[in-house]
Amino acid sequence: MLRIAVPNKGALSEAASDMLRESGYRQRSSSRELVLADPDNDAEFFFLRPRDIAVYIGSGTLDVGITGRDLLLDSGVDVEEVLPLGFGRSTFRFAGPPGVAKAVGDLAGLRVATSYAGLLERHLADHGVDATVVRLDGAVESAVGLGVADVVADVVETGSTLRAAGLEVFGEPILQSEAVLVRRAGADGNPSVGVLARRLQGVLTARRYVMMDYDVRVELVERACALTPGLESPTVSPLHDKGWVAVRAMVPRATTNRVMDELYELGARAILVTDIHACRL
C-alpha cells in the first residue's frame, strides 16, 4: 500500500486535495479526518502539518508526500523532489528598514529574524556571510520594530505586510518555492509512486492546455498547423467536402483566444475549444 502525506489545513491542503481528487484518488470529506484509506488505489493518506511532512518521508515512515519546497529545504532532511506541482507559489526574500542593506553580503554582523532558520543558515553559509539568525515561529515582520532583529527573511507575496511594518525587500530572492511531491532520497523504485506522479502530471498538463478543433481548407493546413502545432503533431482528418479538413490539437490555455482569432483570420471555421480533464503523455 502506498502511504501518502498531505498537508492537513490551509490553502496548501485544499489545493493538494483537489489535485489528488482530479487524479482519481479518494479524498476526505471532513477536515477532522487525519487518516483516509483509498482501497481502490491501494493507497492511504495521512493529513499532517506541512512542516512535518518531510520528516516523516525522510524517516521512511511514509512513502511520498506533498509539501512546500521552502519547508522541505528548511527541514534539512534527506528528501528529494519528484515533481513540482504548480501551486502554493511563493518567494523567500530579505527585507529591512530602508538603507540597512542592499544585498546578502551586507548582512555580516547583523541579526536576521526568520521562521525558516535551516534554510536561511544554509543560504548565508553558501554566501560566506556571518550573521546571527533569530529563530521565530510565525510572522516575523514585527521583529525589527520590537528590536530583536535588524532585518528579516520571510515569504513574500505582495509585500504589503512588510511595507506596513516599515520594511522594504532587498537583494536577490533566496528561494522560489511551490508545492512539490517528495520522497526519501535514494528510495527504491516503487511503481505506485510512478503511477501517482504520472497522474499528477496528467492533471498539470490538463490544466495548462485545452483541446482545439477546427475546419480549414486543404491549402491552408500547413499555415494552420503552424499556429496549432500541438505537443507532437496535430491530428488532421478529411471531411466529406474534399476541399476541407478537420484539425485537432492541444493548445496552451493562456493563448486560446489569440490562437482562435488568428485561425479565424486565416480562414478556419467551426473553431471549438474543450477542457481536458486528464491525460497521459
C-alpha atoms as a PDB file:
ATOM      1  CA  MET A   1       0.000   0.000   0.000  1.00  0.00           C
ATOM      2  CA  LEU A   2       1.253   3.479  -0.918  1.00  0.00           C
ATOM      3  CA  ARG A   3       1.369   5.788   2.124  1.00  0.00           C
ATOM      4  CA  ILE A   4       0.956   9.440   1.162  1.00  0.00           C
ATOM      5  CA  ALA A   5       1.367  12.531   3.356  1.00  0.00           C
ATOM      6  CA  VAL A   6      -0.874  15.514   2.593  1.00  0.00           C
ATOM      7  CA  PRO A   7      -0.993  18.943   4.309  1.00  0.00           C
ATOM      8  CA  ASN A   8      -3.788  18.920   6.866  1.00  0.00           C
ATOM      9  CA  LYS A   9      -5.009  22.514   6.669  1.00  0.00           C
ATOM     10  CA  GLY A  10      -4.865  25.799   4.799  1.00  0.00           C
ATOM     11  CA  ALA A  11      -4.682  26.671   1.123  1.00  0.00           C
ATOM     12  CA  LEU A  12      -1.901  24.153   0.507  1.00  0.00           C
ATOM     13  CA  SER A  13      -4.111  21.370   1.857  1.00  0.00           C
ATOM     14  CA  GLU A  14      -7.099  22.353  -0.273  1.00  0.00           C
ATOM     15  CA  ALA A  15      -5.062  22.619  -3.462  1.00  0.00           C
ATOM     16  CA  ALA A  16      -3.303  19.305  -2.829  1.00  0.00           C
ATOM     17  CA  SER A  17      -6.574  17.503  -2.143  1.00  0.00           C
ATOM     18  CA  ASP A  18      -8.162  18.997  -5.266  1.00  0.00           C
ATOM     19  CA  MET A  19      -5.277  17.782  -7.413  1.00  0.00           C
ATOM     20  CA  LEU A  20      -5.332  14.316  -5.873  1.00  0.00           C
ATOM     21  CA  ARG A  21      -9.099  14.110  -6.370  1.00  0.00           C
ATOM     22  CA  GLU A  22      -8.695  15.097 -10.030  1.00  0.00           C
ATOM     23  CA  SER A  23      -6.051  12.360 -10.265  1.00  0.00           C
ATOM     24  CA  GLY A  24      -8.616   9.744  -9.281  1.00  0.00           C
ATOM     25  CA  TYR A  25      -7.756   9.332  -5.598  1.00  0.00           C
ATOM     26  CA  ARG A  26     -10.278   9.398  -2.795  1.00  0.00           C
ATOM     27  CA  GLN A  27     -10.052  12.422  -0.513  1.00  0.00           C
ATOM     28  CA  ARG A  28     -11.533  13.265   2.850  1.00  0.00           C
ATOM     29  CA  SER A  29     -14.930  14.934   3.263  1.00  0.00           C
ATOM     30  CA  SER A  30     -14.103  16.471   6.640  1.00  0.00           C
ATOM     31  CA  SER A  31     -11.010  18.253   7.918  1.00  0.00           C
ATOM     32  CA  ARG A  32     -11.326  16.167  11.092  1.00  0.00           C
ATOM     33  CA  GLU A  33     -10.186  13.062   9.251  1.00  0.00           C
ATOM     34  CA  LEU A  34      -6.449  12.587   9.760  1.00  0.00           C
ATOM     35  CA  VAL A  35      -6.122   9.189   8.065  1.00  0.00           C
ATOM     36  CA  LEU A  36      -8.016   8.097   4.964  1.00  0.00           C
ATOM     37  CA  ALA A  37      -7.878   4.725   3.207  1.00  0.00           C
ATOM     38  CA  ASP A  38      -8.338   4.509  -0.572  1.00  0.00           C
ATOM     39  CA  PRO A  39      -8.607   0.746  -1.237  1.00  0.00           C
ATOM     40  CA  ASP A  40      -9.437   1.195  -4.929  1.00  0.00           C
ATOM     41  CA  ASN A  41      -5.979   2.703  -5.479  1.00  0.00           C
ATOM     42  CA  ASP A  42      -4.210   0.686  -2.757  1.00  0.00           C
ATOM     43  CA  ALA A  43      -3.292   3.955  -1.034  1.00  0.00           C
ATOM     44  CA  GLU A  44      -3.587   5.512   2.404  1.00  0.00           C
ATOM     45  CA  PHE A  45      -3.476   9.245   3.084  1.00  0.00           C
ATOM     46  CA  PHE A  46      -2.120  10.864   6.245  1.00  0.00           C
ATOM     47  CA  PHE A  47      -3.016  14.519   6.836  1.00  0.00           C
ATOM     48  CA  LEU A  48      -0.125  16.195   8.653  1.00  0.00           C
ATOM     49  CA  ARG A  49       1.328  19.617   9.427  1.00  0.00           C
ATOM     50  CA  PRO A  50       3.095  20.762   6.220  1.00  0.00           C
ATOM     51  CA  ARG A  51       6.296  21.447   8.168  1.00  0.00           C
ATOM     52  CA  ASP A  52       6.387  17.859   9.472  1.00  0.00           C
ATOM     53  CA  ILE A  53       5.831  16.047   6.182  1.00  0.00           C
ATOM     54  CA  ALA A  54       9.482  15.998   5.078  1.00  0.00           C
ATOM     55  CA  VAL A  55      10.473  14.428   8.420  1.00  0.00           C
ATOM     56  CA  TYR A  56       8.010  11.564   8.005  1.00  0.00           C
ATOM     57  CA  ILE A  57       9.117  10.964   4.409  1.00  0.00           C
ATOM     58  CA  GLY A  58      12.813  11.152   5.277  1.00  0.00           C
ATOM     59  CA  SER A  59      12.436   8.629   8.070  1.00  0.00           C
ATOM     60  CA  GLY A  60      10.762   6.153   5.732  1.00  0.00           C
ATOM     61  CA  THR A  61       7.578   6.123   7.823  1.00  0.00           C
ATOM     62  CA  LEU A  62       5.615   7.299   4.786  1.00  0.00           C
ATOM     63  CA  ASP A  63       6.420   6.736   1.107  1.00  0.00           C
ATOM     64  CA  VAL A  64       5.676  10.054  -0.549  1.00  0.00           C
ATOM     65  CA  GLY A  65       4.155  13.413   0.328  1.00  0.00           C
ATOM     66  CA  ILE A  66       3.171  16.892  -0.776  1.00  0.00           C
ATOM     67  CA  THR A  67       4.755  19.900   0.921  1.00  0.00           C
ATOM     68  CA  GLY A  68       6.336  23.255   0.084  1.00  0.00           C
ATOM     69  CA  ARG A  69       9.863  23.410  -1.329  1.00  0.00           C
ATOM     70  CA  ASP A  70      10.707  26.005   1.335  1.00  0.00           C
ATOM     71  CA  LEU A  71       9.580  23.666   4.125  1.00  0.00           C
ATOM     72  CA  LEU A  72      11.431  20.766   2.510  1.00  0.00           C
ATOM     73  CA  LEU A  73      14.743  22.628   2.355  1.00  0.00           C
ATOM     74  CA  ASP A  74      14.259  24.135   5.800  1.00  0.00           C
ATOM     75  CA  SER A  75      13.858  20.672   7.331  1.00  0.00           C
ATOM     76  CA  GLY A  76      17.342  19.578   6.284  1.00  0.00           C
ATOM     77  CA  VAL A  77      16.011  16.041   5.844  1.00  0.00           C
ATOM     78  CA  ASP A  78      17.406  13.790   3.104  1.00  0.00           C
ATOM     79  CA  VAL A  79      14.332  14.016   0.874  1.00  0.00           C
ATOM     80  CA  GLU A  80      14.170  14.673  -2.865  1.00  0.00           C
ATOM     81  CA  GLU A  81      11.657  16.289  -5.188  1.00  0.00           C
ATOM     82  CA  VAL A  82       9.758  14.016  -7.537  1.00  0.00           C
ATOM     83  CA  LEU A  83       7.543  16.591  -9.252  1.00  0.00           C
ATOM     84  CA  PRO A  84       6.797  20.331  -8.905  1.00  0.00           C
ATOM     85  CA  LEU A  85       3.031  20.792  -8.631  1.00  0.00           C
ATOM     86  CA  GLY A  86       2.492  24.380  -9.750  1.00  0.00           C
ATOM     87  CA  PHE A  87       0.506  25.712  -6.787  1.00  0.00           C
ATOM     88  CA  GLY A  88       1.397  27.336  -3.483  1.00  0.00           C
ATOM     89  CA  ARG A  89       3.990  29.530  -5.175  1.00  0.00           C
ATOM     90  CA  SER A  90       5.892  31.991  -3.005  1.00  0.00           C
ATOM     91  CA  THR A  91       9.198  33.861  -2.861  1.00  0.00           C
ATOM     92  CA  PHE A  92      11.531  33.835   0.142  1.00  0.00           C
ATOM     93  CA  ARG A  93      13.363  37.173   0.440  1.00  0.00           C
ATOM     94  CA  PHE A  94      15.208  39.569   2.721  1.00  0.00           C
ATOM     95  CA  ALA A  95      13.543  42.756   3.937  1.00  0.00           C
ATOM     96  CA  GLY A  96      14.602  45.509   6.276  1.00  0.00           C
ATOM     97  CA  PRO A  97      14.356  49.226   7.019  1.00  0.00           C
ATOM     98  CA  PRO A  98      15.365  51.418   4.046  1.00  0.00           C
ATOM     99  CA  GLY A  99      19.127  51.696   3.684  1.00  0.00           C
ATOM    100  CA  VAL A 100      20.122  48.954   6.130  1.00  0.00           C
ATOM    101  CA  ALA A 101      21.239  46.525   3.418  1.00  0.00           C
ATOM    102  CA  LYS A 102      21.107  46.104  -0.353  1.00  0.00           C
ATOM    103  CA  ALA A 103      22.407  42.556  -0.800  1.00  0.00           C
ATOM    104  CA  VAL A 104      23.147  39.412   1.174  1.00  0.00           C
ATOM    105  CA  GLY A 105      26.789  40.472   1.557  1.00  0.00           C
ATOM    106  CA  ASP A 106      25.665  43.477   3.622  1.00  0.00           C
ATOM    107  CA  LEU A 107      24.218  41.237   6.344  1.00  0.00           C
ATOM    108  CA  ALA A 108      27.542  40.404   8.028  1.00  0.00           C
ATOM    109  CA  GLY A 109      27.264  41.092  11.756  1.00  0.00           C
ATOM    110  CA  LEU A 110      23.510  41.775  11.582  1.00  0.00           C
ATOM    111  CA  ARG A 111      20.613  39.900  13.191  1.00  0.00           C
ATOM    112  CA  VAL A 112      18.212  38.242  10.756  1.00  0.00           C
ATOM    113  CA  ALA A 113      14.813  37.040  12.003  1.00  0.00           C
ATOM    114  CA  THR A 114      13.065  34.183  10.217  1.00  0.00           C
ATOM    115  CA  SER A 115      10.746  31.210  10.611  1.00  0.00           C
ATOM    116  CA  TYR A 116      12.961  29.211   8.232  1.00  0.00           C
ATOM    117  CA  ALA A 117      16.188  29.069  10.202  1.00  0.00           C
ATOM    118  CA  GLY A 118      17.630  25.984   8.489  1.00  0.00           C
ATOM    119  CA  LEU A 119      17.056  27.353   5.015  1.00  0.00           C
ATOM    120  CA  LEU A 120      18.456  30.774   5.943  1.00  0.00           C
ATOM    121  CA  GLU A 121      21.552  29.402   7.684  1.00  0.00           C
ATOM    122  CA  ARG A 122      22.492  27.376   4.609  1.00  0.00           C
ATOM    123  CA  HIS A 123      21.929  30.366   2.343  1.00  0.00           C
ATOM    124  CA  LEU A 124      24.162  32.582   4.472  1.00  0.00           C
ATOM    125  CA  ALA A 125      26.818  29.873   4.654  1.00  0.00           C
ATOM    126  CA  ASP A 126      26.744  29.434   0.871  1.00  0.00           C
ATOM    127  CA  HIS A 127      27.490  33.163   0.532  1.00  0.00           C
ATOM    128  CA  GLY A 128      30.123  33.206   3.277  1.00  0.00           C
ATOM    129  CA  VAL A 129      28.138  35.659   5.405  1.00  0.00           C
ATOM    130  CA  ASP A 130      28.468  35.564   9.212  1.00  0.00           C
ATOM    131  CA  ALA A 131      25.142  36.828  10.550  1.00  0.00           C
ATOM    132  CA  THR A 132      23.066  35.940  13.603  1.00  0.00           C
ATOM    133  CA  VAL A 133      19.879  34.017  12.783  1.00  0.00           C
ATOM    134  CA  VAL A 134      16.997  34.810  15.130  1.00  0.00           C
ATOM    135  CA  ARG A 135      14.554  31.904  15.123  1.00  0.00           C
ATOM    136  CA  LEU A 136      10.895  32.889  15.363  1.00  0.00           C
ATOM    137  CA  ASP A 137       7.709  30.902  14.917  1.00  0.00           C
ATOM    138  CA  GLY A 138       5.172  32.580  12.664  1.00  0.00           C
ATOM    139  CA  ALA A 139       5.085  36.179  11.429  1.00  0.00           C
ATOM    140  CA  VAL A 140       8.450  37.913  11.623  1.00  0.00           C
ATOM    141  CA  GLU A 141       7.701  41.371  10.231  1.00  0.00           C
ATOM    142  CA  SER A 142       7.441  42.854  13.759  1.00  0.00           C
ATOM    143  CA  ALA A 143      10.892  41.622  14.773  1.00  0.00           C
ATOM    144  CA  VAL A 144      12.713  44.752  13.613  1.00  0.00           C
ATOM    145  CA  GLY A 145      10.259  47.158  15.230  1.00  0.00           C
ATOM    146  CA  LEU A 146      10.474  45.238  18.503  1.00  0.00           C
ATOM    147  CA  GLY A 147      14.264  45.363  18.455  1.00  0.00           C
ATOM    148  CA  VAL A 148      15.076  41.656  18.242  1.00  0.00           C
ATOM    149  CA  ALA A 149      16.433  41.789  14.660  1.00  0.00           C
ATOM    150  CA  ASP A 150      17.948  44.195  12.152  1.00  0.00           C
ATOM    151  CA  VAL A 151      16.372  42.581   9.060  1.00  0.00           C
ATOM    152  CA  VAL A 152      14.056  39.664   8.328  1.00  0.00           C
ATOM    153  CA  ALA A 153      13.914  36.797   5.840  1.00  0.00           C
ATOM    154  CA  ASP A 154      10.356  35.829   5.035  1.00  0.00           C
ATOM    155  CA  VAL A 155       7.916  34.561   2.446  1.00  0.00           C
ATOM    156  CA  VAL A 156       6.818  37.466   0.273  1.00  0.00           C
ATOM    157  CA  GLU A 157       3.692  37.543  -1.869  1.00  0.00           C
ATOM    158  CA  THR A 158       2.616  41.151  -2.437  1.00  0.00           C
ATOM    159  CA  GLY A 159       4.966  42.731   0.138  1.00  0.00           C
ATOM    160  CA  SER A 160       2.132  44.774   1.654  1.00  0.00           C
ATOM    161  CA  THR A 161       2.588  43.311   5.154  1.00  0.00           C
ATOM    162  CA  LEU A 162       6.288  44.133   5.131  1.00  0.00           C
ATOM    163  CA  ARG A 163       5.661  47.669   3.875  1.00  0.00           C
ATOM    164  CA  ALA A 164       3.111  48.210   6.640  1.00  0.00           C
ATOM    165  CA  ALA A 165       5.868  47.337   9.114  1.00  0.00           C
ATOM    166  CA  GLY A 166       8.215  49.892   7.525  1.00  0.00           C
ATOM    167  CA  LEU A 167      10.327  47.298   5.701  1.00  0.00           C
ATOM    168  CA  GLU A 168      11.359  47.007   2.080  1.00  0.00           C
ATOM    169  CA  VAL A 169      12.545  43.986   0.131  1.00  0.00           C
ATOM    170  CA  PHE A 170      16.191  43.953  -0.970  1.00  0.00           C
ATOM    171  CA  GLY A 171      18.631  41.671  -2.762  1.00  0.00           C
ATOM    172  CA  GLU A 172      18.005  38.628  -4.919  1.00  0.00           C
ATOM    173  CA  PRO A 173      15.340  36.087  -3.878  1.00  0.00           C
ATOM    174  CA  ILE A 174      16.626  33.421  -1.508  1.00  0.00           C
ATOM    175  CA  LEU A 175      14.246  30.835  -2.957  1.00  0.00           C
ATOM    176  CA  GLN A 176      11.342  30.456  -5.364  1.00  0.00           C
ATOM    177  CA  SER A 177       9.024  27.969  -3.723  1.00  0.00           C
ATOM    178  CA  GLU A 178       5.947  25.960  -4.684  1.00  0.00           C
ATOM    179  CA  ALA A 179       4.246  22.734  -3.655  1.00  0.00           C
ATOM    180  CA  VAL A 180       6.247  19.642  -4.586  1.00  0.00           C
ATOM    181  CA  LEU A 181       5.791  15.883  -4.498  1.00  0.00           C
ATOM    182  CA  VAL A 182       8.655  14.415  -2.463  1.00  0.00           C
ATOM    183  CA  ARG A 183      10.088  11.033  -1.488  1.00  0.00           C
ATOM    184  CA  ARG A 184      13.026   9.816   0.574  1.00  0.00           C
ATOM    185  CA  ALA A 185      16.320  10.293  -1.250  1.00  0.00           C
ATOM    186  CA  GLY A 186      17.622   7.031  -2.673  1.00  0.00           C
ATOM    187  CA  ALA A 187      14.368   5.162  -2.028  1.00  0.00           C
ATOM    188  CA  ASP A 188      13.816   2.023  -4.068  1.00  0.00           C
ATOM    189  CA  GLY A 189      11.665   2.498  -7.127  1.00  0.00           C
ATOM    190  CA  ASN A 190       8.027   1.998  -6.157  1.00  0.00           C
ATOM    191  CA  PRO A 191       5.696   1.507  -9.144  1.00  0.00           C
ATOM    192  CA  SER A 192       2.842   3.113  -7.194  1.00  0.00           C
ATOM    193  CA  VAL A 193       4.886   6.310  -6.818  1.00  0.00           C
ATOM    194  CA  GLY A 194       5.363   6.356 -10.587  1.00  0.00           C
ATOM    195  CA  VAL A 195       1.613   5.968 -11.109  1.00  0.00           C
ATOM    196  CA  LEU A 196       0.903   8.806  -8.674  1.00  0.00           C
ATOM    197  CA  ALA A 197       3.449  11.086 -10.374  1.00  0.00           C
ATOM    198  CA  ARG A 198       2.028  10.336 -13.848  1.00  0.00           C
ATOM    199  CA  ARG A 199      -1.497  11.044 -12.668  1.00  0.00           C
ATOM    200  CA  LEU A 200      -0.470  14.351 -11.109  1.00  0.00           C
ATOM    201  CA  GLN A 201       1.487  15.285 -14.233  1.00  0.00           C
ATOM    202  CA  GLY A 202      -1.620  14.492 -16.272  1.00  0.00           C
ATOM    203  CA  VAL A 203      -3.647  16.928 -14.167  1.00  0.00           C
ATOM    204  CA  LEU A 204      -0.971  19.615 -14.519  1.00  0.00           C
ATOM    205  CA  THR A 205      -0.980  19.202 -18.303  1.00  0.00           C
ATOM    206  CA  ALA A 206      -4.780  19.194 -18.445  1.00  0.00           C
ATOM    207  CA  ARG A 207      -4.847  22.466 -16.512  1.00  0.00           C
ATOM    208  CA  ARG A 208      -2.338  24.126 -18.843  1.00  0.00           C
ATOM    209  CA  TYR A 209      -3.867  23.023 -22.150  1.00  0.00           C
ATOM    210  CA  VAL A 210      -7.203  22.900 -23.955  1.00  0.00           C
ATOM    211  CA  MET A 211      -8.255  20.834 -26.947  1.00  0.00           C
ATOM    212  CA  MET A 212      -8.940  22.907 -30.049  1.00  0.00           C
ATOM    213  CA  ASP A 213     -10.874  21.612 -33.065  1.00  0.00           C
ATOM    214  CA  TYR A 214     -11.473  23.498 -36.290  1.00  0.00           C
ATOM    215  CA  ASP A 215     -12.128  23.092 -40.004  1.00  0.00           C
ATOM    216  CA  VAL A 216      -9.822  24.615 -42.589  1.00  0.00           C
ATOM    217  CA  ARG A 217      -9.308  24.435 -46.330  1.00  0.00           C
ATOM    218  CA  VAL A 218      -6.722  21.924 -47.546  1.00  0.00           C
ATOM    219  CA  GLU A 219      -4.425  24.562 -48.996  1.00  0.00           C
ATOM    220  CA  LEU A 220      -4.262  26.328 -45.608  1.00  0.00           C
ATOM    221  CA  VAL A 221      -3.462  23.264 -43.477  1.00  0.00           C
ATOM    222  CA  GLU A 222       0.262  23.900 -43.157  1.00  0.00           C
ATOM    223  CA  ARG A 223      -0.237  27.501 -42.087  1.00  0.00           C
ATOM    224  CA  ALA A 224      -2.976  26.490 -39.647  1.00  0.00           C
ATOM    225  CA  CYS A 225      -0.838  23.738 -38.121  1.00  0.00           C
ATOM    226  CA  ALA A 226       1.952  26.245 -37.623  1.00  0.00           C
ATOM    227  CA  LEU A 227      -0.460  28.108 -35.326  1.00  0.00           C
ATOM    228  CA  THR A 228      -1.512  24.901 -33.524  1.00  0.00           C
ATOM    229  CA  PRO A 229       1.459  22.519 -33.591  1.00  0.00           C
ATOM    230  CA  GLY A 230       0.167  20.530 -30.617  1.00  0.00           C
ATOM    231  CA  LEU A 231       2.519  18.614 -28.335  1.00  0.00           C
ATOM    232  CA  GLU A 232       3.791  16.286 -31.050  1.00  0.00           C
ATOM    233  CA  SER A 233       1.698  16.919 -34.144  1.00  0.00           C
ATOM    234  CA  PRO A 234      -1.936  17.878 -34.749  1.00  0.00           C
ATOM    235  CA  THR A 235      -4.497  15.343 -35.941  1.00  0.00           C
ATOM    236  CA  VAL A 236      -5.750  16.123 -39.461  1.00  0.00           C
ATOM    237  CA  SER A 237      -8.810  14.270 -40.785  1.00  0.00           C
ATOM    238  CA  PRO A 238     -10.559  14.586 -44.158  1.00  0.00           C
ATOM    239  CA  LEU A 239     -14.089  15.970 -44.311  1.00  0.00           C
ATOM    240  CA  HIS A 240     -16.906  14.996 -46.696  1.00  0.00           C
ATOM    241  CA  ASP A 241     -16.141  18.172 -48.672  1.00  0.00           C
ATOM    242  CA  LYS A 242     -12.812  17.242 -50.298  1.00  0.00           C
ATOM    243  CA  GLY A 243     -11.580  20.824 -50.069  1.00  0.00           C
ATOM    244  CA  TRP A 244     -11.693  20.878 -46.265  1.00  0.00           C
ATOM    245  CA  VAL A 245     -10.073  19.004 -43.368  1.00  0.00           C
ATOM    246  CA  ALA A 246     -10.698  18.882 -39.632  1.00  0.00           C
ATOM    247  CA  VAL A 247      -7.771  19.644 -37.333  1.00  0.00           C
ATOM    248  CA  ARG A 248      -7.447  18.778 -33.632  1.00  0.00           C
ATOM    249  CA  ALA A 249      -4.564  19.909 -31.412  1.00  0.00           C
ATOM    250  CA  MET A 250      -3.708  20.726 -27.808  1.00  0.00           C
ATOM    251  CA  VAL A 251      -3.193  24.461 -27.318  1.00  0.00           C
ATOM    252  CA  PRO A 252      -1.839  26.300 -24.255  1.00  0.00           C
ATOM    253  CA  ARG A 253      -4.822  27.580 -22.304  1.00  0.00           C
ATOM    254  CA  ALA A 254      -3.275  31.034 -21.906  1.00  0.00           C
ATOM    255  CA  THR A 255      -3.123  31.558 -25.692  1.00  0.00           C
ATOM    256  CA  THR A 256      -6.579  30.170 -26.533  1.00  0.00           C
ATOM    257  CA  ASN A 257      -8.334  33.337 -27.676  1.00  0.00           C
ATOM    258  CA  ARG A 258      -5.363  34.724 -29.583  1.00  0.00           C
ATOM    259  CA  VAL A 259      -4.963  31.448 -31.483  1.00  0.00           C
ATOM    260  CA  MET A 260      -8.697  31.350 -32.240  1.00  0.00           C
ATOM    261  CA  ASP A 261      -8.508  34.885 -33.659  1.00  0.00           C
ATOM    262  CA  GLU A 262      -5.502  34.019 -35.809  1.00  0.00           C
ATOM    263  CA  LEU A 263      -7.147  30.852 -37.130  1.00  0.00           C
ATOM    264  CA  TYR A 264     -10.310  32.737 -37.991  1.00  0.00           C
ATOM    265  CA  GLU A 265      -8.343  35.405 -39.849  1.00  0.00           C
ATOM    266  CA  LEU A 266      -6.579  32.624 -41.749  1.00  0.00           C
ATOM    267  CA  GLY A 267      -9.905  31.159 -42.847  1.00  0.00           C
ATOM    268  CA  ALA A 268     -10.569  28.400 -40.317  1.00  0.00           C
ATOM    269  CA  ARG A 269     -14.153  27.901 -39.240  1.00  0.00           C
ATOM    270  CA  ALA A 270     -16.142  25.871 -36.670  1.00  0.00           C
ATOM    271  CA  ILE A 271     -13.413  26.567 -34.115  1.00  0.00           C
ATOM    272  CA  LEU A 272     -14.260  24.753 -30.880  1.00  0.00           C
ATOM    273  CA  VAL A 273     -12.417  24.621 -27.554  1.00  0.00           C
ATOM    274  CA  THR A 274     -12.955  21.970 -24.881  1.00  0.00           C
ATOM    275  CA  ASP A 275     -11.382  21.397 -21.482  1.00  0.00           C
ATOM    276  CA  ILE A 276      -9.066  18.461 -20.865  1.00  0.00           C
ATOM    277  CA  HIS A 277      -9.848  16.762 -17.557  1.00  0.00           C
ATOM    278  CA  ALA A 278      -6.954  14.312 -17.532  1.00  0.00           C
ATOM    279  CA  CYS A 279      -4.296  12.948 -19.872  1.00  0.00           C
ATOM    280  CA  ARG A 280      -1.218  10.752 -20.144  1.00  0.00           C
ATOM    281  CA  LEU A 281       1.555  11.946 -22.422  1.00  0.00           C
END
